[in-house]
Amino acid sequence: MFSKELLKGTLKTIILRLLDEQGKMYGYEISQFVKNMTDGKLELTEGALYPTLHKLESEGLLKTEKVFIGKRARKYYSLTPAGNKETISKIKEFQEFAAAMQMILFPKANLDGRIK
């Protein structure tokens, strides 16, 4: 399990990427998908996931659709056109951040990845 701080800094990117890949998902589905994909290393709590989904929606990056399953309504999230653009931007930003972290953590790494 990773620290809350690391997860918080990447949660928007995770959500946007999943919705880009999957089309539309509901909150619990997102949390279970992440948990399964990472063998339980990343767990999205309701307290982190839903405020982030609502924030992305208020920013115009997500749209919602209510689907009734029996008497229960399920809220599905999907990307807006602005959300598609933001997904590309967030992924690029994360890749550049990860590359910069590699430079800091392994400044003397050989090309084969070993530390001198």
PDB file of N, CA and C in Angstrom:
ATOM      1  N   MET A   1       0.851  -1.187   0.000  1.00  0.00           N
ATOM      2  CA  MET A   1       0.000   0.000   0.000  1.00  0.00           C
ATOM      3  C   MET A   1       0.892   1.243   0.000  1.00  0.00           C
ATOM      4  N   PHE A   2       0.538   2.216  -0.792  1.00  0.00           N
ATOM      5  CA  PHE A   2       1.311   3.447  -0.905  1.00  0.00           C
ATOM      6  C   PHE A   2       0.713   4.527  -0.006  1.00  0.00           C
ATOM      7  N   SER A   3       1.488   5.555   0.241  1.00  0.00           N
ATOM      8  CA  SER A   3       1.023   6.632   1.112  1.00  0.00           C
ATOM      9  C   SER A   3      -0.141   7.386   0.477  1.00  0.00           C
ATOM     10  N   LYS A   4      -0.960   7.980   1.330  1.00  0.00           N
ATOM     11  CA  LYS A   4      -2.100   8.766   0.864  1.00  0.00           C
ATOM     12  C   LYS A   4      -1.644   9.938   0.012  1.00  0.00           C
ATOM     13  N   GLU A   5      -0.494  10.509   0.350  1.00  0.00           N
ATOM     14  CA  GLU A   5       0.015  11.660  -0.379  1.00  0.00           C
ATOM     15  C   GLU A   5       0.350  11.302  -1.828  1.00  0.00           C
ATOM     16  N   LEU A   6       0.992  10.145  -2.016  1.00  0.00           N
ATOM     17  CA  LEU A   6       1.311   9.720  -3.388  1.00  0.00           C
ATOM     18  C   LEU A   6       0.038   9.466  -4.182  1.00  0.00           C
ATOM     19  N   LEU A   7      -0.912   8.801  -3.564  1.00  0.00           N
ATOM     20  CA  LEU A   7      -2.164   8.499  -4.252  1.00  0.00           C
ATOM     21  C   LEU A   7      -2.935   9.776  -4.570  1.00  0.00           C
ATOM     22  N   LYS A   8      -2.996  10.688  -3.609  1.00  0.00           N
ATOM     23  CA  LYS A   8      -3.728  11.936  -3.813  1.00  0.00           C
ATOM     24  C   LYS A   8      -3.183  12.712  -5.011  1.00  0.00           C
ATOM     25  N   GLY A   9      -1.882  12.708  -5.173  1.00  0.00           N
ATOM     26  CA  GLY A   9      -1.253  13.442  -6.268  1.00  0.00           C
ATOM     27  C   GLY A   9      -1.483  12.826  -7.642  1.00  0.00           C
ATOM     28  N   THR A  10      -1.930  11.582  -7.679  1.00  0.00           N
ATOM     29  CA  THR A  10      -2.115  10.908  -8.962  1.00  0.00           C
ATOM     30  C   THR A  10      -3.564  10.487  -9.223  1.00  0.00           C
ATOM     31  N   LEU A  11      -4.459  10.755  -8.296  1.00  0.00           N
ATOM     32  CA  LEU A  11      -5.828  10.264  -8.399  1.00  0.00           C
ATOM     33  C   LEU A  11      -6.562  10.778  -9.637  1.00  0.00           C
ATOM     34  N   LYS A  12      -6.418  12.051  -9.950  1.00  0.00           N
ATOM     35  CA  LYS A  12      -7.071  12.592 -11.151  1.00  0.00           C
ATOM     36  C   LYS A  12      -6.570  11.865 -12.401  1.00  0.00           C
ATOM     37  N   THR A  13      -5.271  11.667 -12.472  1.00  0.00           N
ATOM     38  CA  THR A  13      -4.677  10.994 -13.623  1.00  0.00           C
ATOM     39  C   THR A  13      -5.198   9.570 -13.739  1.00  0.00           C
ATOM     40  N   ILE A  14      -5.279   8.871 -12.617  1.00  0.00           N
ATOM     41  CA  ILE A  14      -5.779   7.492 -12.609  1.00  0.00           C
ATOM     42  C   ILE A  14      -7.211   7.445 -13.125  1.00  0.00           C
ATOM     43  N   ILE A  15      -8.060   8.292 -12.582  1.00  0.00           N
ATOM     44  CA  ILE A  15      -9.474   8.303 -12.973  1.00  0.00           C
ATOM     45  C   ILE A  15      -9.634   8.653 -14.442  1.00  0.00           C
ATOM     46  N   LEU A  16      -8.976   9.702 -14.878  1.00  0.00           N
ATOM     47  CA  LEU A  16      -9.085  10.112 -16.282  1.00  0.00           C
ATOM     48  C   LEU A  16      -8.619   9.011 -17.225  1.00  0.00           C
ATOM     49  N   ARG A  17      -7.516   8.384 -16.895  1.00  0.00           N
ATOM     50  CA  ARG A  17      -6.976   7.322 -17.757  1.00  0.00           C
ATOM     51  C   ARG A  17      -7.924   6.125 -17.821  1.00  0.00           C
ATOM     52  N   LEU A  18      -8.470   5.732 -16.671  1.00  0.00           N
ATOM     53  CA  LEU A  18      -9.398   4.599 -16.662  1.00  0.00           C
ATOM     54  C   LEU A  18     -10.636   4.886 -17.503  1.00  0.00           C
ATOM     55  N   LEU A  19     -11.181   6.076 -17.355  1.00  0.00           N
ATOM     56  CA  LEU A  19     -12.374   6.423 -18.131  1.00  0.00           C
ATOM     57  C   LEU A  19     -12.053   6.541 -19.614  1.00  0.00           C
ATOM     58  N   ASP A  20     -10.850   6.985 -19.924  1.00  0.00           N
ATOM     59  CA  ASP A  20     -10.406   7.040 -21.317  1.00  0.00           C
ATOM     60  C   ASP A  20     -10.361   5.626 -21.897  1.00  0.00           C
ATOM     61  N   GLU A  21      -9.887   4.705 -21.117  1.00  0.00           N
ATOM     62  CA  GLU A  21      -9.725   3.314 -21.541  1.00  0.00           C
ATOM     63  C   GLU A  21     -11.043   2.536 -21.539  1.00  0.00           C
ATOM     64  N   GLN A  22     -11.848   2.737 -20.509  1.00  0.00           N
ATOM     65  CA  GLN A  22     -13.049   1.921 -20.306  1.00  0.00           C
ATOM     66  C   GLN A  22     -14.341   2.538 -20.846  1.00  0.00           C
ATOM     67  N   GLY A  23     -14.325   3.811 -21.145  1.00  0.00           N
ATOM     68  CA  GLY A  23     -15.530   4.475 -21.650  1.00  0.00           C
ATOM     69  C   GLY A  23     -16.347   5.093 -20.538  1.00  0.00           C
ATOM     70  N   LYS A  24     -17.057   4.273 -19.789  1.00  0.00           N
ATOM     71  CA  LYS A  24     -17.807   4.797 -18.650  1.00  0.00           C
ATOM     72  C   LYS A  24     -17.755   3.786 -17.515  1.00  0.00           C
ATOM     73  N   MET A  25     -17.721   4.319 -16.304  1.00  0.00           N
ATOM     74  CA  MET A  25     -17.627   3.478 -15.110  1.00  0.00           C
ATOM     75  C   MET A  25     -18.350   4.173 -13.970  1.00  0.00           C
ATOM     76  N   TYR A  26     -18.783   3.407 -12.992  1.00  0.00           N
ATOM     77  CA  TYR A  26     -19.345   3.990 -11.773  1.00  0.00           C
ATOM     78  C   TYR A  26     -18.291   3.913 -10.683  1.00  0.00           C
ATOM     79  N   GLY A  27     -18.485   4.678  -9.623  1.00  0.00           N
ATOM     80  CA  GLY A  27     -17.459   4.845  -8.604  1.00  0.00           C
ATOM     81  C   GLY A  27     -16.900   3.561  -8.032  1.00  0.00           C
ATOM     82  N   TYR A  28     -17.769   2.684  -7.538  1.00  0.00           N
ATOM     83  CA  TYR A  28     -17.299   1.432  -6.942  1.00  0.00           C
ATOM     84  C   TYR A  28     -16.533   0.603  -7.969  1.00  0.00           C
ATOM     85  N   GLU A  29     -16.990   0.622  -9.196  1.00  0.00           N
ATOM     86  CA  GLU A  29     -16.318  -0.103 -10.273  1.00  0.00           C
ATOM     87  C   GLU A  29     -14.893   0.425 -10.469  1.00  0.00           C
ATOM     88  N   ILE A  30     -14.740   1.746 -10.413  1.00  0.00           N
ATOM     89  CA  ILE A  30     -13.406   2.353 -10.543  1.00  0.00           C
ATOM     90  C   ILE A  30     -12.497   1.863  -9.427  1.00  0.00           C
ATOM     91  N   SER A  31     -12.992   1.912  -8.196  1.00  0.00           N
ATOM     92  CA  SER A  31     -12.160   1.507  -7.054  1.00  0.00           C
ATOM     93  C   SER A  31     -11.765   0.040  -7.144  1.00  0.00           C
ATOM     94  N   GLN A  32     -12.689  -0.826  -7.536  1.00  0.00           N
ATOM     95  CA  GLN A  32     -12.384  -2.251  -7.650  1.00  0.00           C
ATOM     96  C   GLN A  32     -11.441  -2.538  -8.817  1.00  0.00           C
ATOM     97  N   PHE A  33     -11.612  -1.822  -9.902  1.00  0.00           N
ATOM     98  CA  PHE A  33     -10.750  -1.990 -11.066  1.00  0.00           C
ATOM     99  C   PHE A  33      -9.303  -1.653 -10.702  1.00  0.00           C
ATOM    100  N   VAL A  34      -9.115  -0.524 -10.011  1.00  0.00           N
ATOM    101  CA  VAL A  34      -7.766  -0.104  -9.600  1.00  0.00           C
ATOM    102  C   VAL A  34      -7.166  -1.131  -8.637  1.00  0.00           C
ATOM    103  N   LYS A  35      -7.945  -1.562  -7.681  1.00  0.00           N
ATOM    104  CA  LYS A  35      -7.474  -2.550  -6.704  1.00  0.00           C
ATOM    105  C   LYS A  35      -7.039  -3.834  -7.407  1.00  0.00           C
ATOM    106  N   ASN A  36      -7.852  -4.317  -8.335  1.00  0.00           N
ATOM    107  CA  ASN A  36      -7.532  -5.552  -9.054  1.00  0.00           C
ATOM    108  C   ASN A  36      -6.331  -5.383  -9.981  1.00  0.00           C
ATOM    109  N   MET A  37      -6.263  -4.248 -10.681  1.00  0.00           N
ATOM    110  CA  MET A  37      -5.155  -4.000 -11.606  1.00  0.00           C
ATOM    111  C   MET A  37      -3.808  -3.945 -10.898  1.00  0.00           C
ATOM    112  N   THR A  38      -3.825  -3.468  -9.645  1.00  0.00           N
ATOM    113  CA  THR A  38      -2.571  -3.261  -8.913  1.00  0.00           C
ATOM    114  C   THR A  38      -2.331  -4.329  -7.849  1.00  0.00           C
ATOM    115  N   ASP A  39      -3.062  -5.421  -7.933  1.00  0.00           N
ATOM    116  CA  ASP A  39      -2.947  -6.496  -6.932  1.00  0.00           C
ATOM    117  C   ASP A  39      -3.077  -5.963  -5.515  1.00  0.00           C
ATOM    118  N   GLY A  40      -3.979  -5.002  -5.329  1.00  0.00           N
ATOM    119  CA  GLY A  40      -4.256  -4.462  -4.008  1.00  0.00           C
ATOM    120  C   GLY A  40      -3.278  -3.413  -3.515  1.00  0.00           C
ATOM    121  N   LYS A  41      -2.300  -3.050  -4.337  1.00  0.00           N
ATOM    122  CA  LYS A  41      -1.309  -2.049  -3.915  1.00  0.00           C
ATOM    123  C   LYS A  41      -1.897  -0.646  -3.870  1.00  0.00           C
ATOM    124  N   LEU A  42      -2.879  -0.390  -4.726  1.00  0.00           N
ATOM    125  CA  LEU A  42      -3.584   0.896  -4.708  1.00  0.00           C
ATOM    126  C   LEU A  42      -5.041   0.633  -4.371  1.00  0.00           C
ATOM    127  N   GLU A  43      -5.504   1.276  -3.316  1.00  0.00           N
ATOM    128  CA  GLU A  43      -6.905   1.168  -2.933  1.00  0.00           C
ATOM    129  C   GLU A  43      -7.481   2.568  -2.827  1.00  0.00           C
ATOM    130  N   LEU A  44      -8.518   2.819  -3.609  1.00  0.00           N
ATOM    131  CA  LEU A  44      -9.165   4.122  -3.605  1.00  0.00           C
ATOM    132  C   LEU A  44     -10.300   4.100  -2.591  1.00  0.00           C
ATOM    133  N   THR A  45     -10.207   4.942  -1.580  1.00  0.00           N
ATOM    134  CA  THR A  45     -11.267   5.020  -0.588  1.00  0.00           C
ATOM    135  C   THR A  45     -12.387   5.903  -1.120  1.00  0.00           C
ATOM    136  N   GLU A  46     -13.586   5.694  -0.589  1.00  0.00           N
ATOM    137  CA  GLU A  46     -14.719   6.539  -0.982  1.00  0.00           C
ATOM    138  C   GLU A  46     -14.421   7.996  -0.668  1.00  0.00           C
ATOM    139  N   GLY A  47     -13.750   8.239   0.456  1.00  0.00           N
ATOM    140  CA  GLY A  47     -13.441   9.596   0.887  1.00  0.00           C
ATOM    141  C   GLY A  47     -12.491  10.328  -0.035  1.00  0.00           C
ATOM    142  N   ALA A  48     -11.736   9.596  -0.829  1.00  0.00           N
ATOM    143  CA  ALA A  48     -10.842  10.214  -1.807  1.00  0.00           C
ATOM    144  C   ALA A  48     -11.459  10.194  -3.204  1.00  0.00           C
ATOM    145  N   LEU A  49     -12.093   9.083  -3.550  1.00  0.00           N
ATOM    146  CA  LEU A  49     -12.599   8.897  -4.904  1.00  0.00           C
ATOM    147  C   LEU A  49     -13.747   9.834  -5.262  1.00  0.00           C
ATOM    148  N   TYR A  50     -14.800   9.846  -4.436  1.00  0.00           N
ATOM    149  CA  TYR A  50     -15.997  10.614  -4.819  1.00  0.00           C
ATOM    150  C   TYR A  50     -15.778  12.128  -4.845  1.00  0.00           C
ATOM    151  N   PRO A  51     -15.042  12.704  -3.898  1.00  0.00           N
ATOM    152  CA  PRO A  51     -14.768  14.144  -4.040  1.00  0.00           C
ATOM    153  C   PRO A  51     -13.982  14.462  -5.321  1.00  0.00           C
ATOM    154  N   THR A  52     -13.082  13.570  -5.698  1.00  0.00           N
ATOM    155  CA  THR A  52     -12.310  13.789  -6.926  1.00  0.00           C
ATOM    156  C   THR A  52     -13.209  13.668  -8.148  1.00  0.00           C
ATOM    157  N   LEU A  53     -14.092  12.675  -8.167  1.00  0.00           N
ATOM    158  CA  LEU A  53     -15.043  12.549  -9.275  1.00  0.00           C
ATOM    159  C   LEU A  53     -15.918  13.792  -9.384  1.00  0.00           C
ATOM    160  N   HIS A  54     -16.410  14.285  -8.251  1.00  0.00           N
ATOM    161  CA  HIS A  54     -17.271  15.477  -8.258  1.00  0.00           C
ATOM    162  C   HIS A  54     -16.502  16.709  -8.725  1.00  0.00           C
ATOM    163  N   LYS A  55     -15.236  16.803  -8.316  1.00  0.00           N
ATOM    164  CA  LYS A  55     -14.409  17.939  -8.736  1.00  0.00           C
ATOM    165  C   LYS A  55     -14.168  17.894 -10.247  1.00  0.00           C
ATOM    166  N   LEU A  56     -13.846  16.716 -10.758  1.00  0.00           N
ATOM    167  CA  LEU A  56     -13.630  16.575 -12.203  1.00  0.00           C
ATOM    168  C   LEU A  56     -14.908  16.903 -12.982  1.00  0.00           C
ATOM    169  N   GLU A  57     -16.040  16.524 -12.413  1.00  0.00           N
ATOM    170  CA  GLU A  57     -17.322  16.836 -13.048  1.00  0.00           C
ATOM    171  C   GLU A  57     -17.573  18.345 -13.037  1.00  0.00           C
ATOM    172  N   SER A  58     -17.311  18.989 -11.900  1.00  0.00           N
ATOM    173  CA  SER A  58     -17.537  20.435 -11.807  1.00  0.00           C
ATOM    174  C   SER A  58     -16.584  21.223 -12.704  1.00  0.00           C
ATOM    175  N   GLU A  59     -15.430  20.655 -13.001  1.00  0.00           N
ATOM    176  CA  GLU A  59     -14.461  21.287 -13.898  1.00  0.00           C
ATOM    177  C   GLU A  59     -14.809  21.042 -15.372  1.00  0.00           C
ATOM    178  N   GLY A  60     -15.868  20.279 -15.614  1.00  0.00           N
ATOM    179  CA  GLY A  60     -16.294  20.010 -16.986  1.00  0.00           C
ATOM    180  C   GLY A  60     -15.517  18.912 -17.675  1.00  0.00           C
ATOM    181  N   LEU A  61     -14.782  18.106 -16.901  1.00  0.00           N
ATOM    182  CA  LEU A  61     -13.973  17.044 -17.486  1.00  0.00           C
ATOM    183  C   LEU A  61     -14.718  15.715 -17.548  1.00  0.00           C
ATOM    184  N   LEU A  62     -15.742  15.579 -16.714  1.00  0.00           N
ATOM    185  CA  LEU A  62     -16.564  14.371 -16.682  1.00  0.00           C
ATOM    186  C   LEU A  62     -18.030  14.736 -16.851  1.00  0.00           C
ATOM    187  N   LYS A  63     -18.774  13.808 -17.408  1.00  0.00           N
ATOM    188  CA  LYS A  63     -20.227  13.926 -17.438  1.00  0.00           C
ATOM    189  C   LYS A  63     -20.787  12.681 -16.764  1.00  0.00           C
ATOM    190  N   THR A  64     -22.013  12.771 -16.291  1.00  0.00           N
ATOM    191  CA  THR A  64     -22.615  11.645 -15.600  1.00  0.00           C
ATOM    192  C   THR A  64     -23.889  11.200 -16.297  1.00  0.00           C
ATOM    193  N   GLU A  65     -24.218   9.968 -16.045  1.00  0.00           N
ATOM    194  CA  GLU A  65     -25.440   9.375 -16.581  1.00  0.00           C
ATOM    195  C   GLU A  65     -25.981   8.445 -15.504  1.00  0.00           C
ATOM    196  N   LYS A  66     -27.252   8.627 -15.145  1.00  0.00           N
ATOM    197  CA  LYS A  66     -27.872   7.740 -14.163  1.00  0.00           C
ATOM    198  C   LYS A  66     -28.535   6.578 -14.897  1.00  0.00           C
ATOM    199  N   VAL A  67     -28.218   5.407 -14.429  1.00  0.00           N
ATOM    200  CA  VAL A  67     -28.816   4.190 -14.981  1.00  0.00           C
ATOM    201  C   VAL A  67     -29.513   3.482 -13.831  1.00  0.00           C
ATOM    202  N   PHE A  68     -30.776   3.140 -14.039  1.00  0.00           N
ATOM    203  CA  PHE A  68     -31.526   2.458 -12.994  1.00  0.00           C
ATOM    204  C   PHE A  68     -31.395   0.953 -13.157  1.00  0.00           C
ATOM    205  N   ILE A  69     -30.995   0.334 -12.074  1.00  0.00           N
ATOM    206  CA  ILE A  69     -30.888  -1.121 -12.015  1.00  0.00           C
ATOM    207  C   ILE A  69     -31.886  -1.553 -10.949  1.00  0.00           C
ATOM    208  N   GLY A  70     -33.022  -2.008 -11.409  1.00  0.00           N
ATOM    209  CA  GLY A  70     -34.114  -2.250 -10.478  1.00  0.00           C
ATOM    210  C   GLY A  70     -34.588  -0.912  -9.945  1.00  0.00           C
ATOM    211  N   LYS A  71     -34.645  -0.797  -8.647  1.00  0.00           N
ATOM    212  CA  LYS A  71     -35.064   0.461  -8.017  1.00  0.00           C
ATOM    213  C   LYS A  71     -33.874   1.348  -7.668  1.00  0.00           C
ATOM    214  N   ARG A  72     -32.686   0.865  -7.941  1.00  0.00           N
ATOM    215  CA  ARG A  72     -31.473   1.580  -7.575  1.00  0.00           C
ATOM    216  C   ARG A  72     -30.876   2.334  -8.755  1.00  0.00           C
ATOM    217  N   ALA A  73     -30.445   3.545  -8.487  1.00  0.00           N
ATOM    218  CA  ALA A  73     -29.789   4.331  -9.539  1.00  0.00           C
ATOM    219  C   ALA A  73     -28.279   4.203  -9.397  1.00  0.00           C
ATOM    220  N   ARG A  74     -27.625   4.017 -10.506  1.00  0.00           N
ATOM    221  CA  ARG A  74     -26.163   3.945 -10.519  1.00  0.00           C
ATOM    222  C   ARG A  74     -25.676   5.102 -11.384  1.00  0.00           C
ATOM    223  N   LYS A  75     -24.709   5.848 -10.871  1.00  0.00           N
ATOM    224  CA  LYS A  75     -24.190   7.021 -11.565  1.00  0.00           C
ATOM    225  C   LYS A  75     -22.906   6.636 -12.305  1.00  0.00           C
ATOM    226  N   TYR A  76     -22.969   6.689 -13.624  1.00  0.00           N
ATOM    227  CA  TYR A  76     -21.807   6.388 -14.458  1.00  0.00           C
ATOM    228  C   TYR A  76     -21.106   7.683 -14.845  1.00  0.00           C
ATOM    229  N   TYR A  77     -19.786   7.624 -14.854  1.00  0.00           N
ATOM    230  CA  TYR A  77     -18.960   8.761 -15.237  1.00  0.00           C
ATOM    231  C   TYR A  77     -18.280   8.453 -16.561  1.00  0.00           C
ATOM    232  N   SER A  78     -18.170   9.469 -17.411  1.00  0.00           N
ATOM    233  CA  SER A  78     -17.424   9.345 -18.659  1.00  0.00           C
ATOM    234  C   SER A  78     -16.788  10.692 -18.974  1.00  0.00           C
ATOM    235  N   LEU A  79     -15.829  10.661 -19.879  1.00  0.00           N
ATOM    236  CA  LEU A  79     -15.085  11.873 -20.226  1.00  0.00           C
ATOM    237  C   LEU A  79     -15.871  12.773 -21.172  1.00  0.00           C
ATOM    238  N   THR A  80     -15.703  14.064 -20.979  1.00  0.00           N
ATOM    239  CA  THR A  80     -16.183  15.054 -21.942  1.00  0.00           C
ATOM    240  C   THR A  80     -15.039  15.287 -22.937  1.00  0.00           C
ATOM    241  N   PRO A  81     -15.273  16.026 -24.011  1.00  0.00           N
ATOM    242  CA  PRO A  81     -14.156  16.360 -24.908  1.00  0.00           C
ATOM    243  C   PRO A  81     -13.002  17.055 -24.152  1.00  0.00           C
ATOM    244  N   ALA A  82     -13.343  17.939 -23.217  1.00  0.00           N
ATOM    245  CA  ALA A  82     -12.294  18.591 -22.416  1.00  0.00           C
ATOM    246  C   ALA A  82     -11.571  17.563 -21.549  1.00  0.00           C
ATOM    247  N   GLY A  83     -12.306  16.563 -21.076  1.00  0.00           N
ATOM    248  CA  GLY A  83     -11.710  15.490 -20.279  1.00  0.00           C
ATOM    249  C   GLY A  83     -10.735  14.664 -21.093  1.00  0.00           C
ATOM    250  N   ASN A  84     -11.061  14.445 -22.359  1.00  0.00           N
ATOM    251  CA  ASN A  84     -10.138  13.721 -23.244  1.00  0.00           C
ATOM    252  C   ASN A  84      -8.817  14.475 -23.385  1.00  0.00           C
ATOM    253  N   LYS A  85      -8.897  15.781 -23.584  1.00  0.00           N
ATOM    254  CA  LYS A  85      -7.683  16.604 -23.707  1.00  0.00           C
ATOM    255  C   LYS A  85      -6.891  16.608 -22.410  1.00  0.00           C
ATOM    256  N   GLU A  86      -7.603  16.725 -21.283  1.00  0.00           N
ATOM    257  CA  GLU A  86      -6.930  16.758 -19.977  1.00  0.00           C
ATOM    258  C   GLU A  86      -6.250  15.429 -19.673  1.00  0.00           C
ATOM    259  N   THR A  87      -6.839  14.332 -20.124  1.00  0.00           N
ATOM    260  CA  THR A  87      -6.231  13.013 -19.918  1.00  0.00           C
ATOM    261  C   THR A  87      -4.862  12.961 -20.576  1.00  0.00           C
ATOM    262  N   ILE A  88      -4.782  13.411 -21.801  1.00  0.00           N
ATOM    263  CA  ILE A  88      -3.504  13.423 -22.524  1.00  0.00           C
ATOM    264  C   ILE A  88      -2.491  14.288 -21.785  1.00  0.00           C
ATOM    265  N   SER A  89      -2.934  15.452 -21.336  1.00  0.00           N
ATOM    266  CA  SER A  89      -2.064  16.369 -20.617  1.00  0.00           C
ATOM    267  C   SER A  89      -1.571  15.766 -19.296  1.00  0.00           C
ATOM    268  N   LYS A  90      -2.478  15.148 -18.537  1.00  0.00           N
ATOM    269  CA  LYS A  90      -2.115  14.570 -17.233  1.00  0.00           C
ATOM    270  C   LYS A  90      -1.153  13.396 -17.390  1.00  0.00           C
ATOM    271  N   ILE A  91      -1.374  12.580 -18.408  1.00  0.00           N
ATOM    272  CA  ILE A  91      -0.471  11.442 -18.631  1.00  0.00           C
ATOM    273  C   ILE A  91       0.921  11.940 -18.990  1.00  0.00           C
ATOM    274  N   LYS A  92       0.988  12.924 -19.875  1.00  0.00           N
ATOM    275  CA  LYS A  92       2.291  13.491 -20.258  1.00  0.00           C
ATOM    276  C   LYS A  92       2.980  14.102 -19.044  1.00  0.00           C
ATOM    277  N   GLU A  93       2.225  14.850 -18.244  1.00  0.00           N
ATOM    278  CA  GLU A  93       2.783  15.465 -17.041  1.00  0.00           C
ATOM    279  C   GLU A  93       3.333  14.401 -16.087  1.00  0.00           C
ATOM    280  N   PHE A  94       2.586  13.324 -15.901  1.00  0.00           N
ATOM    281  CA  PHE A  94       3.043  12.272 -14.999  1.00  0.00           C
ATOM    282  C   PHE A  94       4.293  11.586 -15.539  1.00  0.00           C
ATOM    283  N   GLN A  95       4.342  11.320 -16.834  1.00  0.00           N
ATOM    284  CA  GLN A  95       5.516  10.687 -17.424  1.00  0.00           C
ATOM    285  C   GLN A  95       6.760  11.557 -17.233  1.00  0.00           C
ATOM    286  N   GLU A  96       6.608  12.859 -17.422  1.00  0.00           N
ATOM    287  CA  GLU A  96       7.738  13.769 -17.236  1.00  0.00           C
ATOM    288  C   GLU A  96       8.156  13.834 -15.765  1.00  0.00           C
ATOM    289  N   PHE A  97       7.168  13.811 -14.867  1.00  0.00           N
ATOM    290  CA  PHE A  97       7.454  13.815 -13.435  1.00  0.00           C
ATOM    291  C   PHE A  97       8.203  12.543 -13.033  1.00  0.00           C
ATOM    292  N   ALA A  98       7.735  11.394 -13.517  1.00  0.00           N
ATOM    293  CA  ALA A  98       8.380  10.121 -13.193  1.00  0.00           C
ATOM    294  C   ALA A  98       9.819  10.096 -13.719  1.00  0.00           C
ATOM    295  N   ALA A  99      10.034  10.636 -14.901  1.00  0.00           N
ATOM    296  CA  ALA A  99      11.384  10.694 -15.467  1.00  0.00           C
ATOM    297  C   ALA A  99      12.285  11.588 -14.618  1.00  0.00           C
ATOM    298  N   ALA A 100      11.750  12.717 -14.159  1.00  0.00           N
ATOM    299  CA  ALA A 100      12.535  13.618 -13.305  1.00  0.00           C
ATOM    300  C   ALA A 100      12.856  12.946 -11.972  1.00  0.00           C
ATOM    301  N   MET A 101      11.904  12.210 -11.417  1.00  0.00           N
ATOM    302  CA  MET A 101      12.148  11.488 -10.161  1.00  0.00           C
ATOM    303  C   MET A 101      13.235  10.438 -10.349  1.00  0.00           C
ATOM    304  N   GLN A 102      13.230   9.766 -11.488  1.00  0.00           N
ATOM    305  CA  GLN A 102      14.277   8.784 -11.777  1.00  0.00           C
ATOM    306  C   GLN A 102      15.652   9.439 -11.755  1.00  0.00           C
ATOM    307  N   MET A 103      15.744  10.657 -12.320  1.00  0.00           N
ATOM    308  CA  MET A 103      17.020  11.378 -12.339  1.00  0.00           C
ATOM    309  C   MET A 103      17.484  11.705 -10.921  1.00  0.00           C
ATOM    310  N   ILE A 104      16.541  12.052 -10.061  1.00  0.00           N
ATOM    311  CA  ILE A 104      16.876  12.386  -8.680  1.00  0.00           C
ATOM    312  C   ILE A 104      17.234  11.143  -7.882  1.00  0.00           C
ATOM    313  N   LEU A 105      16.448  10.096  -8.019  1.00  0.00           N
ATOM    314  CA  LEU A 105      16.656   8.889  -7.227  1.00  0.00           C
ATOM    315  C   LEU A 105      17.859   8.073  -7.672  1.00  0.00           C
ATOM    316  N   PHE A 106      18.146   8.099  -8.964  1.00  0.00           N
ATOM    317  CA  PHE A 106      19.236   7.291  -9.501  1.00  0.00           C
ATOM    318  C   PHE A 106      20.151   8.141 -10.384  1.00  0.00           C
ATOM    319  N   PRO A 107      20.815   9.147  -9.800  1.00  0.00           N
ATOM    320  CA  PRO A 107      21.610  10.078 -10.611  1.00  0.00           C
ATOM    321  C   PRO A 107      22.812   9.450 -11.295  1.00  0.00           C
ATOM    322  N   LYS A 108      23.326   8.370 -10.736  1.00  0.00           N
ATOM    323  CA  LYS A 108      24.519   7.761 -11.314  1.00  0.00           C
ATOM    324  C   LYS A 108      24.214   6.410 -11.936  1.00  0.00           C
ATOM    325  N   ALA A 109      23.005   6.224 -12.365  1.00  0.00           N
ATOM    326  CA  ALA A 109      22.615   4.928 -12.957  1.00  0.00           C
ATOM    327  C   ALA A 109      23.284   4.750 -14.310  1.00  0.00           C
ATOM    328  N   ASN A 110      23.776   3.547 -14.527  1.00  0.00           N
ATOM    329  CA  ASN A 110      24.291   3.197 -15.863  1.00  0.00           C
ATOM    330  C   ASN A 110      23.120   3.046 -16.811  1.00  0.00           C
ATOM    331  N   LEU A 111      23.390   2.872 -18.057  1.00  0.00           N
ATOM    332  CA  LEU A 111      22.332   2.661 -19.046  1.00  0.00           C
ATOM    333  C   LEU A 111      21.529   1.404 -18.727  1.00  0.00           C
ATOM    334  N   ASP A 112      22.161   0.429 -18.091  1.00  0.00           N
ATOM    335  CA  ASP A 112      21.447  -0.818 -17.769  1.00  0.00           C
ATOM    336  C   ASP A 112      20.666  -0.684 -16.464  1.00  0.00           C
ATOM    337  N   GLY A 113      20.670   0.500 -15.842  1.00  0.00           N
ATOM    338  CA  GLY A 113      19.851   0.739 -14.668  1.00  0.00           C
ATOM    339  C   GLY A 113      20.522   0.479 -13.334  1.00  0.00           C
ATOM    340  N   ARG A 114      21.805   0.030 -13.346  1.00  0.00           N
ATOM    341  CA  ARG A 114      22.480  -0.229 -12.072  1.00  0.00           C
ATOM    342  C   ARG A 114      23.045   1.064 -11.505  1.00  0.00           C
ATOM    343  N   ILE A 115      23.036   1.182 -10.198  1.00  0.00           N
ATOM    344  CA  ILE A 115      23.582   2.354  -9.520  1.00  0.00           C
ATOM    345  C   ILE A 115      25.077   2.165  -9.334  1.00  0.00           C
ATOM    346  N   LYS A 116      25.829   3.213  -9.622  1.00  0.00           N
ATOM    347  CA  LYS A 116      27.296   3.179  -9.438  1.00  0.00           C
ATOM    348  C   LYS A 116      27.647   3.369  -7.993  1.00  0.00           C
TER     349      LYS A 116
END
